[in-house]
C-alpha atoms as a PDB file:
ATOM      1  CA  MET A   1      11.165   2.901  11.075  1.00  0.00           C
ATOM      2  CA  ARG A   2      13.643   3.027  13.950  1.00  0.00           C
ATOM      3  CA  VAL A   3      15.287   6.165  12.558  1.00  0.00           C
ATOM      4  CA  PHE A   4      11.840   7.709  12.094  1.00  0.00           C
ATOM      5  CA  HIS A   5      10.782   6.747  15.611  1.00  0.00           C
ATOM      6  CA  TRP A   6      13.769   8.236  17.431  1.00  0.00           C
ATOM      7  CA  LEU A   7      13.833  11.381  15.295  1.00  0.00           C
ATOM      8  CA  LEU A   8      10.152  11.842  16.123  1.00  0.00           C
ATOM      9  CA  VAL A   9      10.893  11.402  19.831  1.00  0.00           C
ATOM     10  CA  LEU A  10      13.733  13.924  19.642  1.00  0.00           C
ATOM     11  CA  SER A  11      11.687  16.454  17.652  1.00  0.00           C
ATOM     12  CA  PHE A  12       8.630  16.331  19.891  1.00  0.00           C
ATOM     13  CA  THR A  13      10.678  16.421  23.094  1.00  0.00           C
ATOM     14  CA  GLY A  14      12.767  19.340  21.884  1.00  0.00           C
ATOM     15  CA  ALA A  15       9.751  21.248  20.596  1.00  0.00           C
ATOM     16  CA  TYR A  16       7.882  20.737  23.872  1.00  0.00           C
ATOM     17  CA  LEU A  17      10.842  21.895  25.975  1.00  0.00           C
ATOM     18  CA  THR A  18      11.343  25.049  23.874  1.00  0.00           C
ATOM     19  CA  ALA A  19       7.651  25.947  23.577  1.00  0.00           C
ATOM     20  CA  GLU A  20       7.700  28.725  26.184  1.00  0.00           C
ATOM     21  CA  SER A  21      11.100  30.217  25.373  1.00  0.00           C
ATOM     22  CA  GLU A  22      11.443  33.204  23.060  1.00  0.00           C
ATOM     23  CA  ARG A  23      15.195  32.646  22.906  1.00  0.00           C
ATOM     24  CA  TRP A  24      14.694  29.136  21.507  1.00  0.00           C
ATOM     25  CA  SER A  25      11.685  29.946  19.339  1.00  0.00           C
ATOM     26  CA  MET A  26      13.534  29.204  16.095  1.00  0.00           C
ATOM     27  CA  VAL A  27      14.524  25.792  17.445  1.00  0.00           C
ATOM     28  CA  HIS A  28      10.877  25.200  18.349  1.00  0.00           C
ATOM     29  CA  VAL A  29       9.725  26.114  14.844  1.00  0.00           C
ATOM     30  CA  THR A  30      12.472  24.046  13.207  1.00  0.00           C
ATOM     31  CA  LEU A  31      11.553  20.969  15.231  1.00  0.00           C
ATOM     32  CA  GLY A  32       7.891  21.528  14.421  1.00  0.00           C
ATOM     33  CA  TYR A  33       8.621  21.485  10.697  1.00  0.00           C
ATOM     34  CA  THR A  34      10.782  18.398  11.236  1.00  0.00           C
ATOM     35  CA  LEU A  35       7.859  16.730  12.962  1.00  0.00           C
ATOM     36  CA  GLY A  36       5.668  17.553   9.969  1.00  0.00           C
ATOM     37  CA  GLY A  37       8.171  16.107   7.504  1.00  0.00           C
ATOM     38  CA  LEU A  38       8.550  12.923   9.527  1.00  0.00           C
ATOM     39  CA  LEU A  39       4.780  12.596   9.740  1.00  0.00           C
ATOM     40  CA  ALA A  40       4.458  12.901   5.947  1.00  0.00           C
ATOM     41  CA  PHE A  41       7.033  10.132   5.532  1.00  0.00           C
ATOM     42  CA  ARG A  42       5.259   7.872   8.038  1.00  0.00           C
ATOM     43  CA  ILE A  43       1.931   8.226   6.261  1.00  0.00           C
ATOM     44  CA  LEU A  44       3.544   7.366   2.924  1.00  0.00           C
ATOM     45  CA  TRP A  45       5.488   4.442   4.412  1.00  0.00           C
ATOM     46  CA  GLY A  46       2.324   3.247   6.105  1.00  0.00           C
ATOM     47  CA  LEU A  47       0.839   2.785   2.644  1.00  0.00           C
ATOM     48  CA  ILE A  48       3.748   1.408   0.610  1.00  0.00           C
ATOM     49  CA  GLY A  49       6.348   0.376   3.187  1.00  0.00           C
ATOM     50  CA  THR A  50       7.473  -2.949   4.619  1.00  0.00           C
ATOM     51  CA  ARG A  51       4.950  -5.436   5.943  1.00  0.00           C
ATOM     52  CA  HIS A  52       4.809  -4.507   9.624  1.00  0.00           C
ATOM     53  CA  ALA A  53       5.016  -0.771   8.893  1.00  0.00           C
ATOM     54  CA  ARG A  54       1.889  -0.702   6.726  1.00  0.00           C
ATOM     55  CA  PHE A  55      -1.288   0.479   8.432  1.00  0.00           C
ATOM     56  CA  ALA A  56      -3.189  -2.423   6.938  1.00  0.00           C
ATOM     57  CA  SER A  57      -1.021  -4.856   8.903  1.00  0.00           C
ATOM     58  CA  PHE A  58      -1.645  -3.481  12.392  1.00  0.00           C
ATOM     59  CA  VAL A  59      -4.627  -1.108  12.536  1.00  0.00           C
ATOM     60  CA  ARG A  60      -7.501  -3.118  13.986  1.00  0.00           C
ATOM     61  CA  GLY A  61     -10.985  -2.399  15.267  1.00  0.00           C
ATOM     62  CA  PRO A  62     -12.142  -2.114  18.891  1.00  0.00           C
ATOM     63  CA  LEU A  63     -13.038  -5.824  19.086  1.00  0.00           C
ATOM     64  CA  ALA A  64      -9.436  -6.822  18.370  1.00  0.00           C
ATOM     65  CA  VAL A  65      -8.221  -4.382  21.017  1.00  0.00           C
ATOM     66  CA  MET A  66     -10.674  -5.785  23.571  1.00  0.00           C
ATOM     67  CA  ARG A  67      -9.654  -9.352  22.729  1.00  0.00           C
ATOM     68  CA  TYR A  68      -6.002  -8.460  23.150  1.00  0.00           C
ATOM     69  CA  GLY A  69      -6.749  -6.756  26.482  1.00  0.00           C
ATOM     70  CA  ARG A  70      -8.616  -9.800  27.792  1.00  0.00           C
ATOM     71  CA  ALA A  71      -5.739 -12.058  26.761  1.00  0.00           C
ATOM     72  CA  LEU A  72      -3.325  -9.852  28.706  1.00  0.00           C
ATOM     73  CA  LEU A  73      -5.500  -9.921  31.810  1.00  0.00           C
ATOM     74  CA  ASN A  74      -5.785 -13.713  31.584  1.00  0.00           C
ATOM     75  CA  GLY A  75      -2.030 -14.079  31.419  1.00  0.00           C
ATOM     76  CA  ARG A  76      -2.047 -15.365  27.838  1.00  0.00           C
ATOM     77  CA  PRO A  77      -0.868 -12.374  25.804  1.00  0.00           C
ATOM     78  CA  GLU A  78      -1.120 -12.656  22.030  1.00  0.00           C
ATOM     79  CA  GLN A  79       2.229 -12.569  20.264  1.00  0.00           C
ATOM     80  CA  HIS A  80       2.623 -10.096  17.394  1.00  0.00           C
ATOM     81  CA  ALA A  81       5.707  -9.693  15.254  1.00  0.00           C
ATOM     82  CA  GLY A  82       4.570  -6.148  14.501  1.00  0.00           C
ATOM     83  CA  HIS A  83       2.456  -3.803  16.608  1.00  0.00           C
ATOM     84  CA  ASN A  84      -0.100  -5.360  18.925  1.00  0.00           C
ATOM     85  CA  PRO A  85      -3.678  -3.955  18.728  1.00  0.00           C
ATOM     86  CA  ALA A  86      -3.304  -1.798  21.855  1.00  0.00           C
ATOM     87  CA  GLY A  87       0.002  -0.379  20.678  1.00  0.00           C
ATOM     88  CA  ALA A  88      -1.526   0.269  17.272  1.00  0.00           C
ATOM     89  CA  MET A  89      -4.206   2.449  18.856  1.00  0.00           C
ATOM     90  CA  ALA A  90      -1.542   4.507  20.607  1.00  0.00           C
ATOM     91  CA  ILE A  91       0.417   4.880  17.371  1.00  0.00           C
ATOM     92  CA  VAL A  92      -2.614   6.062  15.401  1.00  0.00           C
ATOM     93  CA  GLY A  93      -3.469   8.497  18.194  1.00  0.00           C
ATOM     94  CA  LEU A  94       0.062   9.868  18.282  1.00  0.00           C
ATOM     95  CA  LEU A  95       0.110  10.323  14.506  1.00  0.00           C
ATOM     96  CA  LEU A  96      -3.212  12.182  14.567  1.00  0.00           C
ATOM     97  CA  LEU A  97      -2.114  14.394  17.450  1.00  0.00           C
ATOM     98  CA  SER A  98       1.206  15.048  15.704  1.00  0.00           C
ATOM     99  CA  ALA A  99      -0.706  16.225  12.628  1.00  0.00           C
ATOM    100  CA  ALA A 100      -2.917  18.486  14.753  1.00  0.00           C
ATOM    101  CA  THR A 101       0.097  19.899  16.600  1.00  0.00           C
ATOM    102  CA  VAL A 102       1.956  20.660  13.377  1.00  0.00           C
ATOM    103  CA  ALA A 103      -1.110  22.169  11.689  1.00  0.00           C
ATOM    104  CA  THR A 104      -1.946  24.485  14.587  1.00  0.00           C
ATOM    105  CA  GLY A 105       1.717  25.446  15.002  1.00  0.00           C
ATOM    106  CA  TRP A 106       1.911  26.316  11.306  1.00  0.00           C
ATOM    107  CA  ALA A 107      -1.242  28.440  11.665  1.00  0.00           C
ATOM    108  CA  ILE A 108       0.284  30.330  14.602  1.00  0.00           C
ATOM    109  CA  TRP A 109       3.514  30.919  12.713  1.00  0.00           C
ATOM    110  CA  ASN A 110       1.557  32.336   9.777  1.00  0.00           C
ATOM    111  CA  LYS A 111      -0.667  34.455  12.072  1.00  0.00           C
ATOM    112  CA  LEU A 112      -3.872  32.580  11.292  1.00  0.00           C
ATOM    113  CA  GLY A 113      -6.750  32.017  13.686  1.00  0.00           C
ATOM    114  CA  GLY A 114      -5.886  34.384  16.518  1.00  0.00           C
ATOM    115  CA  ARG A 115      -5.442  33.548  20.181  1.00  0.00           C
ATOM    116  CA  TRP A 116      -7.702  30.500  20.163  1.00  0.00           C
ATOM    117  CA  ILE A 117      -5.446  28.609  17.765  1.00  0.00           C
ATOM    118  CA  GLU A 118      -2.496  29.146  20.122  1.00  0.00           C
ATOM    119  CA  GLU A 119      -4.513  27.724  23.015  1.00  0.00           C
ATOM    120  CA  LEU A 120      -5.587  24.789  20.831  1.00  0.00           C
ATOM    121  CA  HIS A 121      -1.956  24.178  19.874  1.00  0.00           C
ATOM    122  CA  GLU A 122      -0.889  24.067  23.509  1.00  0.00           C
ATOM    123  CA  GLY A 123      -3.827  21.837  24.441  1.00  0.00           C
ATOM    124  CA  VAL A 124      -3.137  19.332  21.677  1.00  0.00           C
ATOM    125  CA  ALA A 125       0.567  19.226  22.578  1.00  0.00           C
ATOM    126  CA  GLY A 126      -0.315  18.599  26.230  1.00  0.00           C
ATOM    127  CA  PHE A 127      -2.704  15.831  25.290  1.00  0.00           C
ATOM    128  CA  MET A 128      -0.038  14.309  23.065  1.00  0.00           C
ATOM    129  CA  LEU A 129       2.417  14.353  25.971  1.00  0.00           C
ATOM    130  CA  ALA A 130      -0.137  12.509  28.104  1.00  0.00           C
ATOM    131  CA  LEU A 131      -0.605   9.892  25.380  1.00  0.00           C
ATOM    132  CA  VAL A 132       3.173   9.502  25.156  1.00  0.00           C
ATOM    133  CA  GLY A 133       3.133   8.706  28.875  1.00  0.00           C
ATOM    134  CA  VAL A 134       0.428   6.084  28.348  1.00  0.00           C
ATOM    135  CA  HIS A 135       2.405   4.658  25.431  1.00  0.00           C
ATOM    136  CA  LEU A 136       5.557   4.362  27.547  1.00  0.00           C
ATOM    137  CA  ALA A 137       3.630   2.676  30.341  1.00  0.00           C
ATOM    138  CA  GLY A 138       2.189   0.251  27.790  1.00  0.00           C
ATOM    139  CA  VAL A 139       5.665  -0.544  26.476  1.00  0.00           C
ATOM    140  CA  VAL A 140       6.872  -1.352  29.996  1.00  0.00           C
ATOM    141  CA  LEU A 141       3.783  -3.445  30.783  1.00  0.00           C
ATOM    142  CA  THR A 142       3.802  -5.460  27.566  1.00  0.00           C
ATOM    143  CA  SER A 143       7.570  -5.966  27.779  1.00  0.00           C
ATOM    144  CA  TRP A 144       7.032  -7.569  31.184  1.00  0.00           C
ATOM    145  CA  LEU A 145       4.004  -9.633  30.154  1.00  0.00           C
ATOM    146  CA  HIS A 146       5.526 -10.805  26.872  1.00  0.00           C
ATOM    147  CA  ARG A 147       8.932 -11.400  28.453  1.00  0.00           C
ATOM    148  CA  GLU A 148      10.635  -9.353  25.732  1.00  0.00           C
ATOM    149  CA  ASN A 149      12.431  -6.023  25.718  1.00  0.00           C
ATOM    150  CA  LEU A 150      10.464  -3.826  23.324  1.00  0.00           C
ATOM    151  CA  VAL A 151      12.789  -0.862  23.832  1.00  0.00           C
ATOM    152  CA  ARG A 152      15.718  -3.001  22.730  1.00  0.00           C
ATOM    153  CA  SER A 153      13.685  -4.062  19.692  1.00  0.00           C
ATOM    154  CA  MET A 154      13.260  -0.399  18.762  1.00  0.00           C
ATOM    155  CA  LEU A 155      17.043  -0.063  18.880  1.00  0.00           C
ATOM    156  CA  ASN A 156      18.227  -3.195  17.082  1.00  0.00           C
ATOM    157  CA  GLY A 157      15.123  -4.025  15.019  1.00  0.00           C
ATOM    158  CA  LYS A 158      14.920  -7.620  16.214  1.00  0.00           C
ATOM    159  CA  LYS A 159      12.120  -9.538  17.970  1.00  0.00           C
ATOM    160  CA  MET A 160      11.554 -13.143  18.899  1.00  0.00           C
ATOM    161  CA  GLY A 161       9.267 -14.983  16.483  1.00  0.00           C
ATOM    162  CA  ALA A 162       8.963 -17.230  13.468  1.00  0.00           C
ATOM    163  CA  SER A 163      11.393 -16.551  10.647  1.00  0.00           C
ATOM    164  CA  GLU A 164       8.555 -16.101   8.155  1.00  0.00           C
ATOM    165  CA  ASP A 165       7.259 -13.156  10.186  1.00  0.00           C
ATOM    166  CA  GLY A 166      10.397 -11.131   9.508  1.00  0.00           C
ATOM    167  CA  ILE A 167      10.812  -8.661   6.679  1.00  0.00           C
ATOM    168  CA  ARG A 168      13.083  -9.523   3.769  1.00  0.00           C
ATOM    169  CA  ARG A 169      15.467  -6.622   4.305  1.00  0.00           C
ATOM    170  CA  ALA A 170      15.929  -3.461   6.301  1.00  0.00           C
ATOM    171  CA  TRP A 171      15.875  -0.329   4.188  1.00  0.00           C
ATOM    172  CA  ARG A 172      19.109   1.115   5.571  1.00  0.00           C
ATOM    173  CA  PRO A 173      19.797   3.409   2.555  1.00  0.00           C
ATOM    174  CA  LEU A 174      16.369   4.982   3.034  1.00  0.00           C
ATOM    175  CA  ALA A 175      17.048   5.380   6.749  1.00  0.00           C
ATOM    176  CA  LEU A 176      20.289   7.164   5.880  1.00  0.00           C
ATOM    177  CA  VAL A 177      18.457   9.465   3.449  1.00  0.00           C
ATOM    178  CA  ILE A 178      15.936  10.387   6.161  1.00  0.00           C
ATOM    179  CA  LEU A 179      18.662  11.066   8.703  1.00  0.00           C
ATOM    180  CA  LEU A 180      20.721  13.162   6.280  1.00  0.00           C
ATOM    181  CA  GLY A 181      17.604  15.016   5.164  1.00  0.00           C
ATOM    182  CA  VAL A 182      16.727  15.985   8.737  1.00  0.00           C
ATOM    183  CA  LEU A 183      20.306  16.954   9.597  1.00  0.00           C
ATOM    184  CA  GLY A 184      20.557  18.952   6.370  1.00  0.00           C
ATOM    185  CA  PHE A 185      17.344  20.804   7.152  1.00  0.00           C
ATOM    186  CA  TRP A 186      18.614  21.615  10.639  1.00  0.00           C
ATOM    187  CA  TRP A 187      21.893  22.853   9.164  1.00  0.00           C
ATOM    188  CA  LEU A 188      20.062  25.163   6.751  1.00  0.00           C
ATOM    189  CA  GLN A 189      17.868  26.488   9.532  1.00  0.00           C
ATOM    190  CA  TRP A 190      20.896  27.102  11.733  1.00  0.00           C
ATOM    191  CA  HIS A 191      22.732  29.032   9.037  1.00  0.00           C
ATOM    192  CA  SER A 192      19.667  31.056   8.079  1.00  0.00           C
ATOM    193  CA  ALA A 193      18.962  32.045  11.692  1.00  0.00           C
ATOM    194  CA  PRO A 194      18.974  35.801  12.265  1.00  0.00           C
ATOM    195  CA  SER A 195      21.816  37.215  14.309  1.00  0.00           C
ATOM    196  CA  ARG A 196      20.932  38.536  17.735  1.00  0.00           C
ATOM    197  CA  THR A 197      23.503  41.294  17.371  1.00  0.00           C
ATOM    198  CA  THR A 198      21.968  42.800  14.225  1.00  0.00           C
ATOM    199  CA  SER A 199      21.070  46.465  14.666  1.00  0.00           C
ATOM    200  CA  GLY A 200      17.461  47.512  14.279  1.00  0.00           C
ATOM    201  CA  GLY A 201      15.908  48.594  11.025  1.00  0.00           C
ATOM    202  CA  GLY A 202      17.308  45.918   8.727  1.00  0.00           C
ATOM    203  CA  ALA A 203      15.682  42.850   7.218  1.00  0.00           C
ATOM    204  CA  ALA A 204      17.576  40.567   9.587  1.00  0.00           C
ATOM    205  CA  ALA A 205      16.267  42.480  12.588  1.00  0.00           C
ATOM    206  CA  THR A 206      12.723  42.128  11.281  1.00  0.00           C
ATOM    207  CA  LYS A 207      13.200  38.394  10.830  1.00  0.00           C
ATOM    208  CA  ASN A 208      14.639  38.108  14.336  1.00  0.00           C
ATOM    209  CA  ALA A 209      11.621  39.896  15.764  1.00  0.00           C
ATOM    210  CA  LYS A 210       9.323  37.474  13.971  1.00  0.00           C
ATOM    211  CA  TYR A 211      11.091  34.492  15.531  1.00  0.00           C
ATOM    212  CA  ALA A 212      10.980  36.051  18.972  1.00  0.00           C
ATOM    213  CA  SER A 213       7.333  37.102  19.040  1.00  0.00           C
ATOM    214  CA  HIS A 214       5.331  34.903  16.656  1.00  0.00           C
ATOM    215  CA  ARG A 215       3.496  33.229  19.533  1.00  0.00           C
ATOM    216  CA  HIS A 216       2.554  36.456  21.305  1.00  0.00           C
ATOM    217  CA  ASP A 217       0.821  38.475  18.591  1.00  0.00           C
ATOM    218  CA  ASP A 218      -2.437  38.596  20.525  1.00  0.00           C
ATOM    219  CA  ASP A 219      -0.958  39.583  23.914  1.00  0.00           C
END
């Protein structure tokens, strides 16, 4: 989950920063596909993964979120070995917005939907960035209220709590497979990138033009 989390952060950040650059359009597309692959893994792991990663263990209704919020305001925050109800809402929202961002980006790349789908893609990505900001603020706030460093927990995988709340083992081989899979995909994309020095008229030049202008077909 930690490898997934930081790869997702890297992919979204990189894709957002390269969104308006024709020069980096292939990087933008590559990171978008990476985001989609990571999202597919997270959905699968949310169904069959370790205890605290499963959706059933942390997705709660609005009443649980309100109860958690009241406990925070009263200075008696509920302790959760996994995601707290407020954090769970942010996670579900980020996963849904990630899916919408990837889907609309794929539609743009395949020239589906026209100009409106490009505007929807940009709007969803902007909304996702705003939710990321809220999520970060929540991490800082709950770290202070709970007297625990949640960022450090997302780096070392450890939290304070009862021993029975821990998972039996960390799936490090699976984490390695995910990391190697992403790096391998990036390597393939890098080596299949069209050369900028290719003369016009060839297949490589056509591919290069597609990378450079796929987001401006309706201009």
